[in-house]
Amino acid sequence: MTGISPSWHPVPVLSLEEEEELKKAEAGSINPPLTLAFAAPILDKRKISHLCQSISSLFPLPDTLRHLKRVRLCNFKHELLLRTATQEEEENILRFSSRIPGLGETCDPSTNIDLNNLCNCDFVKVPSLTDILQDKVPDLECLGDPFLVFVPSRASKNLKEQHMWAGYWPCTYHAKPKVVNADDYSGGKHISEEERLRISNYMQIALEAAWTSRAQGGEGVGAVVVDRKSGSILAVGTDRTKEKDGHLLHACMVAIDMVAQNQGGGAYQFLKKNYGDFGEQKGLEKNVNKEKAIKMVAYKMKTEGSIKDENSIGQIKMLSDILNKEKEQSKRKRSDDGIIEEEVPYLCTGCEIYMTREPCIMCAMALLHSRIFSVYYGCNTPWGALGTYYRLHCSPGLNHHFLVYRGVMEEQCIKLYSGKNT
């Protein structure tokens, strides 16, 4: 079968912190941020459960440390994490340790140097069990002498970190849904050919709509909203800011409003009146003609040199299977009068949007409020809110987060941006 030589790769847009962590992980230099804690050996294994419940109730770990397990097995001995040191306790211990010959500044946890020497040093004074537990825990005879331990102060974000973190103290690990795996999709270069072709199909529709808009005097920006499960196109929008009272009608806003109107809402009714149920392409069927769309993409990719033999049976078969695999029956519900109706989700829940240009702050917030699942865009913009000027989708305070990929058919989108259709 003729292979595909990708000329572009969809690159996940991560937070600056995640990007830095990935770089460190690839270089093998990642180290966990650490915090000082007190632990003690459990002398009677029969008391493990009782001690864990008592300690957890009286000295619960803060939310930022819920990833830490209470008990670890070390050298065939069970050890119990009692509590974290207060800031004052940690400062006093580190200040005292800095005066010990052989330790000096190496006891600073931020440098991650010789921490074991600090924790195991006989000269470091560790508070007694009574002082640590403040006389609140019974059965202290079941615990041995307390000791210092540095534990990871945040949860691991991938398996590489999890293995590293376990060397300090055992932690729980909750893998993220494998919609995109930053380890496997490093730079987007390991994305499958099938997925790349699927993305190309929808971005090509956005590009065609944008060029049509530009030819009619518009800004030349396209957006396509797609139901991720069924592969159905829900709306096609272009920038209409040059029209009367169209200051807010960016391509993204138009596409979202068309989705809302198809659900009985929407703010700009004249869009539906003038451009039909699905926006810019009048008469666009809900389920796009698969074969026509696939041939269009295959032809485009052939002219770019990505597919050497368009008529290859194996190649065409793979192209034909792309969208068929995703087709699913729509969820339905029975109304009170017994009529079967489609169950309509909230706006863009579970949907993808394909945009020729990176969205601005306004459009990015609209995508967030519409509960978009993922965003694919072609080229960056100086004011872009999903990677260039700001990374809104990475803001921790938001009540919804979505995936973002850049660089989809980037060259074609840059040509569109510059107005050069060559």
Protein backbone atom coordinates (compact mmCIF):
# COMPACT_ATOMS: atom_id res chain seq x y z
CA MET A 1 0.00 0.00 0.00
CA THR A 2 1.27 3.43 -0.85
CA GLY A 3 2.24 5.33 2.28
CA ILE A 4 1.64 8.91 3.24
CA SER A 5 4.47 11.33 3.92
CA PRO A 6 2.94 13.94 6.21
CA SER A 7 3.77 17.51 5.29
CA TRP A 8 2.21 18.76 8.53
CA HIS A 9 1.48 17.43 11.99
CA PRO A 10 -1.25 18.52 14.41
CA VAL A 11 0.66 19.67 17.48
CA PRO A 12 -1.05 19.63 20.90
CA VAL A 13 -1.07 23.07 22.51
CA LEU A 14 -0.20 22.46 26.16
CA SER A 15 0.36 24.79 29.07
CA LEU A 16 3.85 26.29 29.43
CA GLU A 17 4.34 24.20 32.55
CA GLU A 18 3.42 20.97 30.75
CA GLU A 19 5.70 21.82 27.83
CA GLU A 20 8.61 22.45 30.19
CA GLU A 21 7.95 19.19 32.03
CA LEU A 22 7.86 17.26 28.77
CA LYS A 23 11.18 18.78 27.70
CA LYS A 24 12.72 17.77 31.01
CA ALA A 25 11.23 14.28 30.75
CA GLU A 26 12.63 13.83 27.24
CA ALA A 27 16.03 14.99 28.49
CA GLY A 28 15.78 12.63 31.48
CA SER A 29 16.26 15.50 33.95
CA ILE A 30 12.82 15.77 35.50
CA ASN A 31 12.70 15.87 39.30
CA PRO A 32 9.63 16.08 41.51
CA PRO A 33 8.92 19.14 43.63
CA LEU A 34 9.30 17.97 47.22
CA THR A 35 7.95 18.82 50.63
CA LEU A 36 9.16 17.66 54.04
CA ALA A 37 7.06 15.20 56.05
CA PHE A 38 7.25 12.99 59.13
CA ALA A 39 6.89 9.21 58.96
CA ALA A 40 7.34 6.30 61.35
CA PRO A 41 7.73 2.50 61.07
CA ILE A 42 4.70 0.38 62.01
CA LEU A 43 5.77 -2.21 64.58
CA ASP A 44 2.54 -4.22 64.63
CA LYS A 45 1.15 -5.02 61.17
CA ARG A 46 -2.23 -5.87 62.66
CA LYS A 47 -2.66 -2.20 63.53
CA ILE A 48 -2.03 -0.82 60.01
CA SER A 49 -5.69 -0.24 59.16
CA HIS A 50 -6.52 1.26 62.56
CA LEU A 51 -3.51 3.58 62.51
CA CYS A 52 -4.25 4.74 58.94
CA GLN A 53 -7.82 5.63 59.86
CA SER A 54 -6.79 7.48 63.02
CA ILE A 55 -3.97 9.46 61.38
CA SER A 56 -6.05 10.27 58.28
CA SER A 57 -8.91 11.51 60.44
CA LEU A 58 -6.81 13.63 62.78
CA PHE A 59 -4.17 14.80 60.26
CA PRO A 60 -5.80 14.72 56.80
CA LEU A 61 -3.53 15.50 53.87
CA PRO A 62 -4.31 18.76 52.05
CA ASP A 63 -6.01 18.50 48.66
CA THR A 64 -2.71 19.13 46.90
CA LEU A 65 -1.22 16.01 48.53
CA ARG A 66 -4.12 13.58 48.12
CA HIS A 67 -1.99 11.63 45.66
CA LEU A 68 0.24 10.37 48.49
CA LYS A 69 -0.43 6.95 49.97
CA ARG A 70 -0.37 6.68 53.75
CA VAL A 71 1.69 3.47 53.96
CA ARG A 72 4.73 2.23 52.09
CA LEU A 73 6.67 -1.02 52.23
CA CYS A 74 10.39 -0.34 52.55
CA ASN A 75 12.96 -3.06 53.23
CA PHE A 76 10.19 -5.45 54.30
CA LYS A 77 8.94 -2.91 56.83
CA HIS A 78 5.71 -0.93 56.71
CA GLU A 79 6.09 2.81 57.23
CA LEU A 80 3.29 5.28 57.92
CA LEU A 81 3.15 8.85 56.64
CA LEU A 82 2.18 10.85 59.75
CA ARG A 83 1.81 14.39 58.45
CA THR A 84 3.66 17.07 56.52
CA ALA A 85 5.94 19.46 58.34
CA THR A 86 4.74 22.99 58.91
CA GLN A 87 6.64 25.78 57.20
CA GLU A 88 8.21 26.74 60.53
CA GLU A 89 9.27 23.15 61.25
CA GLU A 90 10.79 22.76 57.80
CA GLU A 91 12.69 26.06 58.06
CA ASN A 92 14.06 25.14 61.48
CA ILE A 93 15.22 21.70 60.33
CA LEU A 94 16.87 23.05 57.17
CA ARG A 95 18.47 25.90 59.11
CA PHE A 96 19.87 23.48 61.66
CA SER A 97 21.03 21.08 58.95
CA SER A 98 22.91 23.78 57.07
CA ARG A 99 25.31 23.99 60.01
CA ILE A 100 26.10 20.26 59.93
CA PRO A 101 29.46 19.43 58.27
CA GLY A 102 28.95 17.49 55.06
CA LEU A 103 25.45 18.77 54.39
CA GLY A 104 25.65 22.54 54.06
CA GLU A 105 23.43 23.84 51.28
CA THR A 106 22.85 20.35 49.86
CA CYS A 107 19.83 19.96 52.11
CA ASP A 108 17.77 22.45 50.13
CA PRO A 109 14.87 20.41 48.67
CA SER A 110 14.59 22.73 45.68
CA THR A 111 17.99 21.52 44.47
CA ASN A 112 17.17 17.85 45.03
CA ILE A 113 20.74 17.10 46.16
CA ASP A 114 21.68 14.64 48.90
CA LEU A 115 18.21 14.65 50.42
CA ASN A 116 18.70 11.10 51.66
CA ASN A 117 21.76 12.28 53.58
CA LEU A 118 19.63 14.89 55.31
CA CYS A 119 16.82 12.48 56.19
CA ASN A 120 19.24 9.81 57.43
CA CYS A 121 21.66 12.12 59.23
CA ASP A 122 21.96 11.28 62.92
CA PHE A 123 22.68 14.94 63.77
CA VAL A 124 19.31 16.18 62.49
CA LYS A 125 16.89 16.49 65.39
CA VAL A 126 13.50 14.92 64.65
CA PRO A 127 10.57 15.79 66.95
CA SER A 128 9.17 12.98 69.07
CA LEU A 129 5.96 11.11 68.18
CA THR A 130 4.18 12.96 70.96
CA ASP A 131 5.21 16.33 69.51
CA ILE A 132 4.41 15.35 65.93
CA LEU A 133 0.99 13.88 66.74
CA GLN A 134 0.22 16.34 69.54
CA ASP A 135 -1.01 13.59 71.90
CA LYS A 136 -4.03 13.02 69.65
CA VAL A 137 -3.29 9.46 68.47
CA PRO A 138 -3.57 6.43 70.78
CA ASP A 139 -1.55 3.24 70.29
CA LEU A 140 1.73 5.12 69.89
CA GLU A 141 3.46 1.95 71.10
CA CYS A 142 2.64 0.45 67.70
CA LEU A 143 4.91 3.01 66.02
CA GLY A 144 8.69 3.19 66.00
CA ASP A 145 10.92 6.26 66.12
CA PRO A 146 9.80 8.96 63.66
CA PHE A 147 12.01 10.07 60.79
CA LEU A 148 12.09 12.72 58.08
CA VAL A 149 11.10 12.03 54.49
CA PHE A 150 10.74 14.21 51.42
CA VAL A 151 7.55 13.44 49.45
CA PRO A 152 6.36 14.69 46.01
CA SER A 153 4.28 17.83 46.49
CA ARG A 154 2.15 17.30 43.38
CA ALA A 155 0.65 14.35 41.55
CA SER A 156 2.47 12.74 38.65
CA LYS A 157 1.10 13.60 35.22
CA ASN A 158 2.41 10.64 33.24
CA LEU A 159 3.95 7.21 33.72
CA LYS A 160 7.50 8.55 33.52
CA GLU A 161 6.82 10.85 36.43
CA GLN A 162 4.99 8.12 38.31
CA HIS A 163 8.06 5.87 38.28
CA MET A 164 10.24 8.78 39.39
CA TRP A 165 7.83 9.84 42.16
CA ALA A 166 7.66 6.28 43.55
CA GLY A 167 11.34 6.51 44.44
CA TYR A 168 10.45 9.06 47.11
CA TRP A 169 7.06 7.88 48.36
CA PRO A 170 4.30 5.76 46.76
CA CYS A 171 1.60 7.79 45.03
CA THR A 172 -1.65 7.11 43.25
CA TYR A 173 -1.73 7.78 39.53
CA HIS A 174 -4.82 8.58 37.50
CA ALA A 175 -4.12 8.46 33.79
CA LYS A 176 -5.86 11.09 31.70
CA PRO A 177 -8.33 9.87 29.04
CA LYS A 178 -6.21 8.79 26.09
CA VAL A 179 -7.75 11.20 23.61
CA VAL A 180 -4.31 12.70 23.29
CA ASN A 181 -1.25 11.34 25.03
CA ALA A 182 1.49 13.92 25.26
CA ASP A 183 4.14 11.19 25.54
CA ASP A 184 3.00 9.38 22.37
CA TYR A 185 2.02 12.49 20.40
CA SER A 186 5.27 14.36 20.94
CA GLY A 187 5.06 17.10 18.35
CA GLY A 188 2.10 15.31 16.77
CA LYS A 189 4.47 13.19 14.68
CA HIS A 190 3.08 9.85 15.83
CA ILE A 191 -0.50 10.53 14.81
CA SER A 192 -1.93 7.81 12.57
CA GLU A 193 -2.35 8.31 8.84
CA GLU A 194 -6.05 7.60 9.19
CA GLU A 195 -6.52 10.31 11.80
CA ARG A 196 -4.51 12.80 9.79
CA LEU A 197 -6.70 12.20 6.74
CA ARG A 198 -9.84 12.57 8.83
CA ILE A 199 -8.62 15.94 10.10
CA SER A 200 -7.66 16.98 6.56
CA ASN A 201 -11.16 16.28 5.34
CA TYR A 202 -12.80 18.77 7.68
CA MET A 203 -10.07 21.41 7.47
CA GLN A 204 -10.34 21.33 3.68
CA ILE A 205 -14.04 22.19 3.96
CA ALA A 206 -13.13 25.13 6.23
CA LEU A 207 -10.53 26.29 3.70
CA GLU A 208 -12.97 26.08 0.78
CA ALA A 209 -15.56 28.09 2.70
CA ALA A 210 -12.92 30.68 3.61
CA TRP A 211 -11.72 31.10 0.01
CA THR A 212 -15.32 31.48 -1.16
CA SER A 213 -15.86 34.16 1.48
CA ARG A 214 -12.68 35.98 0.45
CA ALA A 215 -13.76 35.93 -3.20
CA GLN A 216 -16.99 37.63 -2.10
CA GLY A 217 -15.09 40.36 -0.25
CA GLY A 218 -14.99 38.75 3.20
CA GLU A 219 -12.06 38.32 5.57
CA GLY A 220 -11.42 34.76 4.41
CA VAL A 221 -11.65 32.79 7.66
CA GLY A 222 -13.47 29.46 7.86
CA ALA A 223 -14.80 27.29 10.70
CA VAL A 224 -16.48 23.88 10.66
CA VAL A 225 -18.23 22.28 13.65
CA VAL A 226 -18.31 18.47 13.59
CA ASP A 227 -20.03 15.88 15.76
CA ARG A 228 -17.03 13.88 16.96
CA LYS A 229 -18.92 10.57 17.28
CA SER A 230 -20.96 10.50 14.07
CA GLY A 231 -18.68 12.57 11.84
CA SER A 232 -21.64 14.78 10.84
CA ILE A 233 -21.00 18.41 9.99
CA LEU A 234 -23.24 20.58 12.15
CA ALA A 235 -22.27 24.03 10.87
CA VAL A 236 -19.95 25.84 8.47
CA GLY A 237 -19.18 29.48 9.18
CA THR A 238 -17.03 32.26 7.76
CA ASP A 239 -16.05 35.69 9.04
CA ARG A 240 -18.87 38.20 8.48
CA THR A 241 -17.43 41.19 10.34
CA LYS A 242 -17.49 43.37 7.20
CA GLU A 243 -21.26 43.13 6.99
CA LYS A 244 -23.61 45.63 8.62
CA ASP A 245 -23.78 45.13 12.41
CA GLY A 246 -21.39 42.21 12.07
CA HIS A 247 -18.64 43.39 14.45
CA LEU A 248 -18.85 40.20 16.52
CA LEU A 249 -19.46 37.77 13.68
CA HIS A 250 -16.10 36.05 13.55
CA ALA A 251 -16.16 32.69 11.78
CA CYS A 252 -16.12 30.82 15.09
CA MET A 253 -19.05 32.86 16.48
CA VAL A 254 -21.06 32.29 13.30
CA ALA A 255 -20.49 28.52 13.40
CA ILE A 256 -21.45 28.26 17.10
CA ASP A 257 -24.56 30.36 16.52
CA MET A 258 -25.61 28.08 13.66
CA VAL A 259 -25.31 25.08 15.98
CA ALA A 260 -27.43 26.91 18.56
CA GLN A 261 -30.07 27.77 15.96
CA ASN A 262 -30.32 24.16 14.88
CA GLN A 263 -31.11 23.39 18.54
CA GLY A 264 -33.82 26.04 18.70
CA GLY A 265 -31.69 28.94 20.00
CA GLY A 266 -29.15 31.28 18.48
CA ALA A 267 -28.68 35.05 18.59
CA TYR A 268 -28.41 35.93 14.89
CA GLN A 269 -31.53 34.64 13.15
CA PHE A 270 -30.67 36.40 9.88
CA LEU A 271 -27.77 33.95 9.45
CA LYS A 272 -30.14 31.01 9.17
CA LYS A 273 -32.51 32.97 6.96
CA ASN A 274 -29.76 33.99 4.55
CA TYR A 275 -27.46 30.98 4.65
CA GLY A 276 -29.59 27.92 5.42
CA ASP A 277 -29.60 25.39 8.27
CA PHE A 278 -25.86 24.71 8.22
CA GLY A 279 -24.42 28.11 7.46
CA GLU A 280 -22.20 29.20 4.61
CA GLN A 281 -22.69 26.27 2.26
CA LYS A 282 -26.33 26.34 1.19
CA GLY A 283 -27.88 22.91 0.94
CA LEU A 284 -25.04 21.23 2.84
CA GLU A 285 -26.28 17.83 3.95
CA LYS A 286 -25.94 16.86 7.60
CA ASN A 287 -23.96 13.80 6.59
CA VAL A 288 -21.50 15.04 3.99
CA ASN A 289 -21.10 13.00 0.82
CA LYS A 290 -18.29 10.81 2.08
CA GLU A 291 -16.90 9.66 -1.28
CA LYS A 292 -16.84 13.17 -2.73
CA ALA A 293 -15.12 14.61 0.34
CA ILE A 294 -12.55 11.80 0.41
CA LYS A 295 -11.70 12.18 -3.28
CA MET A 296 -11.33 15.93 -2.77
CA VAL A 297 -8.84 15.39 0.06
CA ALA A 298 -7.00 12.67 -1.87
CA TYR A 299 -6.64 14.98 -4.88
CA LYS A 300 -5.40 17.85 -2.71
CA MET A 301 -2.87 15.62 -0.98
CA LYS A 302 -1.71 14.20 -4.30
CA THR A 303 -1.02 17.68 -5.67
CA GLU A 304 0.98 18.40 -2.52
CA GLY A 305 3.02 15.27 -3.03
CA SER A 306 1.65 13.47 0.03
CA ILE A 307 0.00 10.61 -1.91
CA LYS A 308 1.93 9.19 -4.81
CA ASP A 309 -0.79 6.94 -6.25
CA GLU A 310 -4.33 8.24 -5.86
CA ASN A 311 -5.81 5.20 -7.63
CA SER A 312 -4.13 2.66 -5.42
CA ILE A 313 -6.86 0.23 -4.30
CA GLY A 314 -5.44 -0.10 -0.82
CA GLN A 315 -5.05 3.66 -0.43
CA ILE A 316 -8.60 4.43 -1.57
CA LYS A 317 -9.97 1.70 0.69
CA MET A 318 -8.24 3.25 3.70
CA LEU A 319 -9.60 6.66 2.74
CA SER A 320 -13.10 5.25 2.35
CA ASP A 321 -13.00 3.71 5.82
CA ILE A 322 -12.01 6.93 7.58
CA LEU A 323 -15.42 8.44 8.11
CA ASN A 324 -17.41 5.19 7.96
CA LYS A 325 -15.70 3.98 11.13
CA GLU A 326 -16.92 7.00 13.05
CA LYS A 327 -20.55 6.79 11.94
CA GLU A 328 -22.84 5.93 14.85
CA GLN A 329 -26.55 6.06 15.30
CA SER A 330 -27.71 9.22 17.03
CA LYS A 331 -29.01 8.86 20.57
CA ARG A 332 -32.76 9.00 20.69
CA LYS A 333 -35.37 9.47 23.33
CA ARG A 334 -39.09 8.93 23.42
CA SER A 335 -41.15 12.03 24.10
CA ASP A 336 -44.28 12.04 26.24
CA ASP A 337 -46.53 11.63 23.20
CA GLY A 338 -44.63 8.57 22.03
CA ILE A 339 -42.78 10.21 19.13
CA ILE A 340 -39.14 9.27 18.73
CA GLU A 341 -36.94 12.38 18.76
CA GLU A 342 -33.21 13.02 18.67
CA GLU A 343 -31.57 13.75 22.00
CA VAL A 344 -29.93 17.12 21.46
CA PRO A 345 -26.76 17.86 23.49
CA TYR A 346 -25.95 21.29 24.89
CA LEU A 347 -24.52 23.41 22.06
CA CYS A 348 -21.12 21.96 21.05
CA THR A 349 -20.81 19.27 23.73
CA GLY A 350 -18.76 16.41 22.27
CA CYS A 351 -17.99 18.39 19.10
CA GLU A 352 -14.82 19.41 17.31
CA ILE A 353 -14.22 22.67 15.49
CA TYR A 354 -11.81 23.15 12.57
CA MET A 355 -10.61 26.71 12.03
CA THR A 356 -8.29 28.10 9.42
CA ARG A 357 -6.96 30.66 11.90
CA GLU A 358 -6.29 30.65 15.66
CA PRO A 359 -9.29 32.15 17.50
CA CYS A 360 -9.20 35.37 19.50
CA ILE A 361 -10.11 35.72 23.20
CA MET A 362 -13.80 36.29 22.44
CA CYS A 363 -14.07 33.21 20.22
CA ALA A 364 -12.04 31.07 22.61
CA MET A 365 -14.40 31.97 25.47
CA ALA A 366 -17.39 31.22 23.24
CA LEU A 367 -15.90 27.79 22.54
CA LEU A 368 -15.44 27.21 26.25
CA HIS A 369 -19.02 28.20 27.10
CA SER A 370 -20.38 26.07 24.26
CA ARG A 371 -18.55 23.06 25.79
CA ILE A 372 -16.47 22.25 22.71
CA PHE A 373 -14.46 19.03 22.98
CA SER A 374 -11.46 19.87 20.79
CA VAL A 375 -10.17 22.64 18.53
CA TYR A 376 -8.01 22.23 15.42
CA TYR A 377 -6.60 25.33 13.75
CA GLY A 378 -4.23 26.03 10.90
CA CYS A 379 -2.06 29.10 11.46
CA ASN A 380 -1.27 31.27 14.46
CA THR A 381 -2.40 34.87 14.87
CA PRO A 382 -0.66 37.60 16.91
CA TRP A 383 -3.76 37.96 19.12
CA GLY A 384 -4.50 34.24 19.27
CA ALA A 385 -5.94 32.98 22.56
CA LEU A 386 -5.13 29.28 22.14
CA GLY A 387 -1.37 29.23 21.96
CA THR A 388 0.17 32.47 20.70
CA TYR A 389 -0.80 35.44 22.88
CA TYR A 390 -2.65 33.41 25.51
CA ARG A 391 -3.51 29.78 26.34
CA LEU A 392 -7.00 30.18 27.64
CA HIS A 393 -7.83 26.45 27.59
CA CYS A 394 -5.00 25.83 30.10
CA SER A 395 -6.32 28.25 32.74
CA PRO A 396 -6.83 26.17 35.91
CA GLY A 397 -9.77 28.25 37.19
CA LEU A 398 -12.08 27.42 34.29
CA ASN A 399 -14.98 25.00 34.75
CA HIS A 400 -14.43 23.37 31.35
CA HIS A 401 -11.28 22.41 29.49
CA PHE A 402 -10.79 21.24 25.93
CA LEU A 403 -8.03 19.94 23.69
CA VAL A 404 -6.29 22.22 21.20
CA TYR A 405 -4.14 21.32 18.18
CA ARG A 406 -2.29 23.76 15.94
CA GLY A 407 -0.53 23.48 12.60
CA VAL A 408 -3.29 21.64 10.70
CA MET A 409 -2.64 22.19 6.97
CA GLU A 410 -0.65 25.21 8.11
CA GLU A 411 0.85 26.21 4.76
CA GLN A 412 -2.55 26.33 3.07
CA CYS A 413 -3.96 28.39 5.94
CA ILE A 414 -1.04 30.83 5.83
CA LYS A 415 -1.63 31.32 2.10
CA LEU A 416 -5.26 32.01 2.87
CA TYR A 417 -4.26 34.46 5.60
CA SER A 418 -1.96 36.31 3.19
CA GLY A 419 -4.50 36.11 0.34
CA LYS A 420 -2.21 34.13 -1.97
CA ASN A 421 -4.13 31.20 -3.47
CA THR A 422 -1.15 29.53 -5.19
